[in-house]
Amino acid sequence: RMLADASAAREQLDELAGLRQGSVRLGAPPTLCVSLV
C-alpha cells in the first residue's frame, strides 16, 4: 500500500505533463481480456 501510494503521488505529478507520460495498471479476467479489454 505504501508503494502504491508513492506511485499514486508520482502519477499525480504526471498530470503536469498533460498525460504525455505515466502508467496505468489494469486488471481483468481472461474472458474480458479477449473482448472488452
ModelCIF file with pLDDT and N, C-alpha, C, O atoms, coordinates in Angstrom:
data_MODEL
#
_entry.id   MODEL 
#
_entity.id                         1 
_entity.type                       polymer 
_entity.pdbx_number_of_molecules   1 
#
_entity_poly.entity_id                      1 
_entity_poly.type                           'polypeptide(L)' 
_entity_poly.nstd_linkage                   no 
_entity_poly.nstd_monomer                   no 
_entity_poly.pdbx_seq_one_letter_code       RMLADASAAREQLDELAGLRQGSVRLGAPPTLCVSLV 
_entity_poly.pdbx_seq_one_letter_code_can   RMLADASAAREQLDELAGLRQGSVRLGAPPTLCVSLV 
_entity_poly.pdbx_strand_id                 A 
#
loop_
_entity_poly_seq.entity_id 
_entity_poly_seq.num 
_entity_poly_seq.mon_id 
_entity_poly_seq.hetero 
1 1  ARG n 
1 2  MET n 
1 3  LEU n 
1 4  ALA n 
1 5  ASP n 
1 6  ALA n 
1 7  SER n 
1 8  ALA n 
1 9  ALA n 
1 10 ARG n 
1 11 GLU n 
1 12 GLN n 
1 13 LEU n 
1 14 ASP n 
1 15 GLU n 
1 16 LEU n 
1 17 ALA n 
1 18 GLY n 
1 19 LEU n 
1 20 ARG n 
1 21 GLN n 
1 22 GLY n 
1 23 SER n 
1 24 VAL n 
1 25 ARG n 
1 26 LEU n 
1 27 GLY n 
1 28 ALA n 
1 29 PRO n 
1 30 PRO n 
1 31 THR n 
1 32 LEU n 
1 33 CYS n 
1 34 VAL n 
1 35 SER n 
1 36 LEU n 
1 37 VAL n 
#
_struct_asym.id          A 
_struct_asym.entity_id   1 
#
loop_
_ma_qa_metric.id 
_ma_qa_metric.mode 
_ma_qa_metric.name 
_ma_qa_metric.software_group_id 
_ma_qa_metric.type 
1 global pLDDT . pLDDT 
2 local  pLDDT . pLDDT 
#
_ma_qa_metric_global.metric_id      1 
_ma_qa_metric_global.metric_value   81.03 
_ma_qa_metric_global.model_id       1 
_ma_qa_metric_global.ordinal_id     1 
#
loop_
_ma_qa_metric_local.label_asym_id 
_ma_qa_metric_local.label_comp_id 
_ma_qa_metric_local.label_seq_id 
_ma_qa_metric_local.metric_id 
_ma_qa_metric_local.metric_value 
_ma_qa_metric_local.model_id 
_ma_qa_metric_local.ordinal_id 
A ARG 1  2 89.00 1 1  
A MET 2  2 89.00 1 2  
A LEU 3  2 88.00 1 3  
A ALA 4  2 86.00 1 4  
A ASP 5  2 83.00 1 5  
A ALA 6  2 83.00 1 6  
A SER 7  2 79.00 1 7  
A ALA 8  2 75.00 1 8  
A ALA 9  2 75.00 1 9  
A ARG 10 2 72.00 1 10 
A GLU 11 2 68.00 1 11 
A GLN 12 2 68.00 1 12 
A LEU 13 2 67.00 1 13 
A ASP 14 2 62.00 1 14 
A GLU 15 2 60.00 1 15 
A LEU 16 2 50.00 1 16 
A ALA 17 2 59.00 1 17 
A GLY 18 2 62.00 1 18 
A LEU 19 2 70.00 1 19 
A ARG 20 2 73.00 1 20 
A GLN 21 2 74.00 1 21 
A GLY 22 2 80.00 1 22 
A SER 23 2 87.00 1 23 
A VAL 24 2 93.00 1 24 
A ARG 25 2 94.00 1 25 
A LEU 26 2 97.00 1 26 
A GLY 27 2 96.00 1 27 
A ALA 28 2 96.00 1 28 
A PRO 29 2 93.00 1 29 
A PRO 30 2 91.00 1 30 
A THR 31 2 90.00 1 31 
A LEU 32 2 93.00 1 32 
A CYS 33 2 92.00 1 33 
A VAL 34 2 88.00 1 34 
A SER 35 2 89.00 1 35 
A LEU 36 2 92.00 1 36 
A VAL 37 2 95.00 1 37 
#
loop_
_atom_site.group_PDB 
_atom_site.id 
_atom_site.type_symbol 
_atom_site.label_atom_id 
_atom_site.label_alt_id 
_atom_site.label_comp_id 
_atom_site.label_asym_id 
_atom_site.label_entity_id 
_atom_site.label_seq_id 
_atom_site.pdbx_PDB_ins_code 
_atom_site.Cartn_x 
_atom_site.Cartn_y 
_atom_site.Cartn_z 
_atom_site.occupancy 
_atom_site.B_iso_or_equiv 
_atom_site.pdbx_formal_charge 
_atom_site.auth_seq_id 
_atom_site.auth_comp_id 
_atom_site.auth_asym_id 
_atom_site.auth_atom_id 
_atom_site.pdbx_PDB_model_num 
ATOM 1   N N  . ARG A 1 1  ? 0.827   -1.209  0.000   1.00 89.00 ? 1  ARG A N  1 
ATOM 2   C CA . ARG A 1 1  ? 0.000   0.000   0.000   1.00 89.00 ? 1  ARG A CA 1 
ATOM 3   C C  . ARG A 1 1  ? 0.860   1.258   0.000   1.00 89.00 ? 1  ARG A C  1 
ATOM 4   O O  . ARG A 1 1  ? 0.542   2.232   -0.681  1.00 89.00 ? 1  ARG A O  1 
ATOM 5   N N  . MET A 1 2  ? 1.964   1.234   0.774   1.00 89.00 ? 2  MET A N  1 
ATOM 6   C CA . MET A 1 2  ? 2.845   2.396   0.819   1.00 89.00 ? 2  MET A CA 1 
ATOM 7   C C  . MET A 1 2  ? 3.494   2.639   -0.550  1.00 89.00 ? 2  MET A C  1 
ATOM 8   O O  . MET A 1 2  ? 3.616   3.782   -0.990  1.00 89.00 ? 2  MET A O  1 
ATOM 9   N N  . LEU A 1 3  ? 3.902   1.567   -1.210  1.00 88.00 ? 3  LEU A N  1 
ATOM 10  C CA . LEU A 1 3  ? 4.491   1.704   -2.541  1.00 88.00 ? 3  LEU A CA 1 
ATOM 11  C C  . LEU A 1 3  ? 3.456   2.198   -3.540  1.00 88.00 ? 3  LEU A C  1 
ATOM 12  O O  . LEU A 1 3  ? 3.761   3.002   -4.420  1.00 88.00 ? 3  LEU A O  1 
ATOM 13  N N  . ALA A 1 4  ? 2.215   1.704   -3.395  1.00 86.00 ? 4  ALA A N  1 
ATOM 14  C CA . ALA A 1 4  ? 1.152   2.162   -4.296  1.00 86.00 ? 4  ALA A CA 1 
ATOM 15  C C  . ALA A 1 4  ? 0.851   3.638   -4.076  1.00 86.00 ? 4  ALA A C  1 
ATOM 16  O O  . ALA A 1 4  ? 0.620   4.376   -5.033  1.00 86.00 ? 4  ALA A O  1 
ATOM 17  N N  . ASP A 1 5  ? 0.853   4.070   -2.813  1.00 83.00 ? 5  ASP A N  1 
ATOM 18  C CA . ASP A 1 5  ? 0.591   5.480   -2.534  1.00 83.00 ? 5  ASP A CA 1 
ATOM 19  C C  . ASP A 1 5  ? 1.704   6.361   -3.110  1.00 83.00 ? 5  ASP A C  1 
ATOM 20  O O  . ASP A 1 5  ? 1.444   7.445   -3.633  1.00 83.00 ? 5  ASP A O  1 
ATOM 21  N N  . ALA A 1 6  ? 2.954   5.874   -3.006  1.00 83.00 ? 6  ALA A N  1 
ATOM 22  C CA . ALA A 1 6  ? 4.057   6.643   -3.574  1.00 83.00 ? 6  ALA A CA 1 
ATOM 23  C C  . ALA A 1 6  ? 3.935   6.713   -5.092  1.00 83.00 ? 6  ALA A C  1 
ATOM 24  O O  . ALA A 1 6  ? 4.225   7.740   -5.706  1.00 83.00 ? 6  ALA A O  1 
ATOM 25  N N  . SER A 1 7  ? 3.495   5.589   -5.692  1.00 79.00 ? 7  SER A N  1 
ATOM 26  C CA . SER A 1 7  ? 3.298   5.589   -7.141  1.00 79.00 ? 7  SER A CA 1 
ATOM 27  C C  . SER A 1 7  ? 2.174   6.534   -7.531  1.00 79.00 ? 7  SER A C  1 
ATOM 28  O O  . SER A 1 7  ? 2.259   7.235   -8.539  1.00 79.00 ? 7  SER A O  1 
ATOM 29  N N  . ALA A 1 8  ? 1.107   6.548   -6.713  1.00 75.00 ? 8  ALA A N  1 
ATOM 30  C CA . ALA A 1 8  ? -0.013  7.452   -6.996  1.00 75.00 ? 8  ALA A CA 1 
ATOM 31  C C  . ALA A 1 8  ? 0.431   8.907   -6.921  1.00 75.00 ? 8  ALA A C  1 
ATOM 32  O O  . ALA A 1 8  ? -0.010  9.743   -7.709  1.00 75.00 ? 8  ALA A O  1 
ATOM 33  N N  . ALA A 1 9  ? 1.313   9.202   -5.959  1.00 75.00 ? 9  ALA A N  1 
ATOM 34  C CA . ALA A 1 9  ? 1.817   10.570  -5.848  1.00 75.00 ? 9  ALA A CA 1 
ATOM 35  C C  . ALA A 1 9  ? 2.609   10.958  -7.092  1.00 75.00 ? 9  ALA A C  1 
ATOM 36  O O  . ALA A 1 9  ? 2.500   12.078  -7.591  1.00 75.00 ? 9  ALA A O  1 
ATOM 37  N N  . ARG A 1 10 ? 3.410   10.010  -7.584  1.00 72.00 ? 10 ARG A N  1 
ATOM 38  C CA . ARG A 1 10 ? 4.162   10.288  -8.809  1.00 72.00 ? 10 ARG A CA 1 
ATOM 39  C C  . ARG A 1 10 ? 3.217   10.482  -9.992  1.00 72.00 ? 10 ARG A C  1 
ATOM 40  O O  . ARG A 1 10 ? 3.434   11.340  -10.847 1.00 72.00 ? 10 ARG A O  1 
ATOM 41  N N  . GLU A 1 11 ? 2.153   9.656   -10.022 1.00 68.00 ? 11 GLU A N  1 
ATOM 42  C CA . GLU A 1 11 ? 1.199   9.771   -11.119 1.00 68.00 ? 11 GLU A CA 1 
ATOM 43  C C  . GLU A 1 11 ? 0.483   11.123  -11.083 1.00 68.00 ? 11 GLU A C  1 
ATOM 44  O O  . GLU A 1 11 ? 0.202   11.712  -12.127 1.00 68.00 ? 11 GLU A O  1 
ATOM 45  N N  . GLN A 1 12 ? 0.190   11.609  -9.870  1.00 68.00 ? 12 GLN A N  1 
ATOM 46  C CA . GLN A 1 12 ? -0.456  12.920  -9.761  1.00 68.00 ? 12 GLN A CA 1 
ATOM 47  C C  . GLN A 1 12 ? 0.446   14.001  -10.341 1.00 68.00 ? 12 GLN A C  1 
ATOM 48  O O  . GLN A 1 12 ? -0.029  14.934  -10.988 1.00 68.00 ? 12 GLN A O  1 
ATOM 49  N N  . LEU A 1 13 ? 1.744   13.869  -10.107 1.00 67.00 ? 13 LEU A N  1 
ATOM 50  C CA . LEU A 1 13 ? 2.679   14.839  -10.675 1.00 67.00 ? 13 LEU A CA 1 
ATOM 51  C C  . LEU A 1 13 ? 2.749   14.726  -12.189 1.00 67.00 ? 13 LEU A C  1 
ATOM 52  O O  . LEU A 1 13 ? 3.040   15.698  -12.887 1.00 67.00 ? 13 LEU A O  1 
ATOM 53  N N  . ASP A 1 14 ? 2.473   13.502  -12.696 1.00 62.00 ? 14 ASP A N  1 
ATOM 54  C CA . ASP A 1 14 ? 2.483   13.317  -14.141 1.00 62.00 ? 14 ASP A CA 1 
ATOM 55  C C  . ASP A 1 14 ? 1.380   14.116  -14.839 1.00 62.00 ? 14 ASP A C  1 
ATOM 56  O O  . ASP A 1 14 ? 1.441   14.360  -16.044 1.00 62.00 ? 14 ASP A O  1 
ATOM 57  N N  . GLU A 1 15 ? 0.371   14.517  -14.060 1.00 60.00 ? 15 GLU A N  1 
ATOM 58  C CA . GLU A 1 15 ? -0.690  15.330  -14.649 1.00 60.00 ? 15 GLU A CA 1 
ATOM 59  C C  . GLU A 1 15 ? -0.111  16.611  -15.259 1.00 60.00 ? 15 GLU A C  1 
ATOM 60  O O  . GLU A 1 15 ? -0.618  17.128  -16.254 1.00 60.00 ? 15 GLU A O  1 
ATOM 61  N N  . LEU A 1 16 ? 0.959   17.104  -14.640 1.00 50.00 ? 16 LEU A N  1 
ATOM 62  C CA . LEU A 1 16 ? 1.572   18.334  -15.149 1.00 50.00 ? 16 LEU A CA 1 
ATOM 63  C C  . LEU A 1 16 ? 2.153   18.117  -16.546 1.00 50.00 ? 16 LEU A C  1 
ATOM 64  O O  . LEU A 1 16 ? 2.370   19.069  -17.296 1.00 50.00 ? 16 LEU A O  1 
ATOM 65  N N  . ALA A 1 17 ? 2.401   16.850  -16.882 1.00 59.00 ? 17 ALA A N  1 
ATOM 66  C CA . ALA A 1 17 ? 2.943   16.547  -18.205 1.00 59.00 ? 17 ALA A CA 1 
ATOM 67  C C  . ALA A 1 17 ? 1.837   16.371  -19.244 1.00 59.00 ? 17 ALA A C  1 
ATOM 68  O O  . ALA A 1 17 ? 2.107   16.031  -20.396 1.00 59.00 ? 17 ALA A O  1 
ATOM 69  N N  . GLY A 1 18 ? 0.586   16.608  -18.827 1.00 62.00 ? 18 GLY A N  1 
ATOM 70  C CA . GLY A 1 18 ? -0.523  16.527  -19.771 1.00 62.00 ? 18 GLY A CA 1 
ATOM 71  C C  . GLY A 1 18 ? -0.717  15.142  -20.364 1.00 62.00 ? 18 GLY A C  1 
ATOM 72  O O  . GLY A 1 18 ? -0.997  15.012  -21.556 1.00 62.00 ? 18 GLY A O  1 
ATOM 73  N N  . LEU A 1 19 ? -0.571  14.096  -19.538 1.00 70.00 ? 19 LEU A N  1 
ATOM 74  C CA . LEU A 1 19 ? -0.743  12.714  -19.983 1.00 70.00 ? 19 LEU A CA 1 
ATOM 75  C C  . LEU A 1 19 ? 0.227   12.334  -21.104 1.00 70.00 ? 19 LEU A C  1 
ATOM 76  O O  . LEU A 1 19 ? -0.090  11.497  -21.949 1.00 70.00 ? 19 LEU A O  1 
ATOM 77  N N  . ARG A 1 20 ? 1.379   12.938  -21.106 1.00 73.00 ? 20 ARG A N  1 
ATOM 78  C CA . ARG A 1 20 ? 2.404   12.548  -22.067 1.00 73.00 ? 20 ARG A CA 1 
ATOM 79  C C  . ARG A 1 20 ? 3.320   11.467  -21.484 1.00 73.00 ? 20 ARG A C  1 
ATOM 80  O O  . ARG A 1 20 ? 4.105   10.852  -22.207 1.00 73.00 ? 20 ARG A O  1 
ATOM 81  N N  . GLN A 1 21 ? 3.213   11.244  -20.176 1.00 74.00 ? 21 GLN A N  1 
ATOM 82  C CA . GLN A 1 21 ? 3.980   10.174  -19.546 1.00 74.00 ? 21 GLN A CA 1 
ATOM 83  C C  . GLN A 1 21 ? 3.198   9.662   -18.347 1.00 74.00 ? 21 GLN A C  1 
ATOM 84  O O  . GLN A 1 21 ? 2.222   10.278  -17.918 1.00 74.00 ? 21 GLN A O  1 
ATOM 85  N N  . GLY A 1 22 ? 3.636   8.533   -17.812 1.00 80.00 ? 22 GLY A N  1 
ATOM 86  C CA . GLY A 1 22 ? 2.940   7.919   -16.690 1.00 80.00 ? 22 GLY A CA 1 
ATOM 87  C C  . GLY A 1 22 ? 2.613   6.471   -17.015 1.00 80.00 ? 22 GLY A C  1 
ATOM 88  O O  . GLY A 1 22 ? 3.093   5.933   -18.012 1.00 80.00 ? 22 GLY A O  1 
ATOM 89  N N  . SER A 1 23 ? 1.797   5.837   -16.178 1.00 87.00 ? 23 SER A N  1 
ATOM 90  C CA . SER A 1 23 ? 1.435   4.441   -16.390 1.00 87.00 ? 23 SER A CA 1 
ATOM 91  C C  . SER A 1 23 ? 0.085   4.166   -15.751 1.00 87.00 ? 23 SER A C  1 
ATOM 92  O O  . SER A 1 23 ? -0.360  4.889   -14.860 1.00 87.00 ? 23 SER A O  1 
ATOM 93  N N  . VAL A 1 24 ? -0.557  3.104   -16.227 1.00 93.00 ? 24 VAL A N  1 
ATOM 94  C CA . VAL A 1 24 ? -1.827  2.630   -15.666 1.00 93.00 ? 24 VAL A CA 1 
ATOM 95  C C  . VAL A 1 24 ? -1.729  1.123   -15.520 1.00 93.00 ? 24 VAL A C  1 
ATOM 96  O O  . VAL A 1 24 ? -1.275  0.431   -16.431 1.00 93.00 ? 24 VAL A O  1 
ATOM 97  N N  . ARG A 1 25 ? -2.159  0.614   -14.368 1.00 94.00 ? 25 ARG A N  1 
ATOM 98  C CA . ARG A 1 25 ? -2.164  -0.820  -14.109 1.00 94.00 ? 25 ARG A CA 1 
ATOM 99  C C  . ARG A 1 25 ? -3.626  -1.281  -14.049 1.00 94.00 ? 25 ARG A C  1 
ATOM 100 O O  . ARG A 1 25 ? -4.364  -0.921  -13.132 1.00 94.00 ? 25 ARG A O  1 
ATOM 101 N N  . LEU A 1 26 ? -4.027  -2.075  -15.034 1.00 97.00 ? 26 LEU A N  1 
ATOM 102 C CA . LEU A 1 26 ? -5.413  -2.537  -15.153 1.00 97.00 ? 26 LEU A CA 1 
ATOM 103 C C  . LEU A 1 26 ? -5.457  -4.053  -15.033 1.00 97.00 ? 26 LEU A C  1 
ATOM 104 O O  . LEU A 1 26 ? -4.651  -4.758  -15.640 1.00 97.00 ? 26 LEU A O  1 
ATOM 105 N N  . GLY A 1 27 ? -6.406  -4.546  -14.246 1.00 96.00 ? 27 GLY A N  1 
ATOM 106 C CA . GLY A 1 27 ? -6.596  -5.985  -14.119 1.00 96.00 ? 27 GLY A CA 1 
ATOM 107 C C  . GLY A 1 27 ? -7.913  -6.408  -14.735 1.00 96.00 ? 27 GLY A C  1 
ATOM 108 O O  . GLY A 1 27 ? -8.871  -5.635  -14.749 1.00 96.00 ? 27 GLY A O  1 
ATOM 109 N N  . ALA A 1 28 ? -7.969  -7.639  -15.250 1.00 96.00 ? 28 ALA A N  1 
ATOM 110 C CA . ALA A 1 28 ? -9.204  -8.153  -15.851 1.00 96.00 ? 28 ALA A CA 1 
ATOM 111 C C  . ALA A 1 28 ? -9.128  -9.673  -15.965 1.00 96.00 ? 28 ALA A C  1 
ATOM 112 O O  . ALA A 1 28 ? -8.038  -10.227 -16.108 1.00 96.00 ? 28 ALA A O  1 
ATOM 113 N N  . PRO A 1 29 ? -10.280 -10.357 -15.903 1.00 93.00 ? 29 PRO A N  1 
ATOM 114 C CA . PRO A 1 29 ? -10.302 -11.800 -16.141 1.00 93.00 ? 29 PRO A CA 1 
ATOM 115 C C  . PRO A 1 29 ? -10.004 -12.105 -17.611 1.00 93.00 ? 29 PRO A C  1 
ATOM 116 O O  . PRO A 1 29 ? -10.201 -11.242 -18.467 1.00 93.00 ? 29 PRO A O  1 
ATOM 117 N N  . PRO A 1 30 ? -9.537  -13.307 -17.916 1.00 91.00 ? 30 PRO A N  1 
ATOM 118 C CA . PRO A 1 30 ? -9.231  -13.666 -19.304 1.00 91.00 ? 30 PRO A CA 1 
ATOM 119 C C  . PRO A 1 30 ? -10.419 -13.494 -20.250 1.00 91.00 ? 30 PRO A C  1 
ATOM 120 O O  . PRO A 1 30 ? -10.230 -13.126 -21.410 1.00 91.00 ? 30 PRO A O  1 
ATOM 121 N N  . THR A 1 31 ? -11.646 -13.754 -19.772 1.00 90.00 ? 31 THR A N  1 
ATOM 122 C CA . THR A 1 31 ? -12.814 -13.624 -20.645 1.00 90.00 ? 31 THR A CA 1 
ATOM 123 C C  . THR A 1 31 ? -13.029 -12.187 -21.096 1.00 90.00 ? 31 THR A C  1 
ATOM 124 O O  . THR A 1 31 ? -13.620 -11.958 -22.152 1.00 90.00 ? 31 THR A O  1 
ATOM 125 N N  . LEU A 1 32 ? -12.563 -11.218 -20.320 1.00 93.00 ? 32 LEU A N  1 
ATOM 126 C CA . LEU A 1 32 ? -12.679 -9.817  -20.719 1.00 93.00 ? 32 LEU A CA 1 
ATOM 127 C C  . LEU A 1 32 ? -11.455 -9.361  -21.499 1.00 93.00 ? 32 LEU A C  1 
ATOM 128 O O  . LEU A 1 32 ? -11.551 -8.455  -22.326 1.00 93.00 ? 32 LEU A O  1 
ATOM 129 N N  . CYS A 1 33 ? -10.303 -9.981  -21.244 1.00 92.00 ? 33 CYS A N  1 
ATOM 130 C CA . CYS A 1 33 ? -9.093  -9.589  -21.977 1.00 92.00 ? 33 CYS A CA 1 
ATOM 131 C C  . CYS A 1 33 ? -9.206  -9.913  -23.463 1.00 92.00 ? 33 CYS A C  1 
ATOM 132 O O  . CYS A 1 33 ? -8.596  -9.233  -24.289 1.00 92.00 ? 33 CYS A O  1 
ATOM 133 N N  . VAL A 1 34 ? -9.983  -10.949 -23.820 1.00 88.00 ? 34 VAL A N  1 
ATOM 134 C CA . VAL A 1 34 ? -10.127 -11.295 -25.232 1.00 88.00 ? 34 VAL A CA 1 
ATOM 135 C C  . VAL A 1 34 ? -11.296 -10.569 -25.883 1.00 88.00 ? 34 VAL A C  1 
ATOM 136 O O  . VAL A 1 34 ? -11.588 -10.798 -27.057 1.00 88.00 ? 34 VAL A O  1 
ATOM 137 N N  . SER A 1 35 ? -11.969 -9.697  -25.135 1.00 89.00 ? 35 SER A N  1 
ATOM 138 C CA . SER A 1 35 ? -13.112 -8.982  -25.713 1.00 89.00 ? 35 SER A CA 1 
ATOM 139 C C  . SER A 1 35 ? -13.030 -7.495  -25.385 1.00 89.00 ? 35 SER A C  1 
ATOM 140 O O  . SER A 1 35 ? -12.389 -6.736  -26.112 1.00 89.00 ? 35 SER A O  1 
ATOM 141 N N  . LEU A 1 36 ? -13.667 -7.077  -24.308 1.00 92.00 ? 36 LEU A N  1 
ATOM 142 C CA . LEU A 1 36 ? -13.789 -5.662  -23.982 1.00 92.00 ? 36 LEU A CA 1 
ATOM 143 C C  . LEU A 1 36 ? -12.438 -4.980  -23.774 1.00 92.00 ? 36 LEU A C  1 
ATOM 144 O O  . LEU A 1 36 ? -12.224 -3.870  -24.261 1.00 92.00 ? 36 LEU A O  1 
ATOM 145 N N  . VAL A 1 37 ? -11.532 -5.634  -23.059 1.00 95.00 ? 37 VAL A N  1 
ATOM 146 C CA . VAL A 1 37 ? -10.256 -5.005  -22.715 1.00 95.00 ? 37 VAL A CA 1 
ATOM 147 C C  . VAL A 1 37 ? -9.445  -4.675  -23.965 1.00 95.00 ? 37 VAL A C  1 
ATOM 148 O O  . VAL A 1 37 ? -8.341  -4.140  -23.861 1.00 95.00 ? 37 VAL A O  1 
#
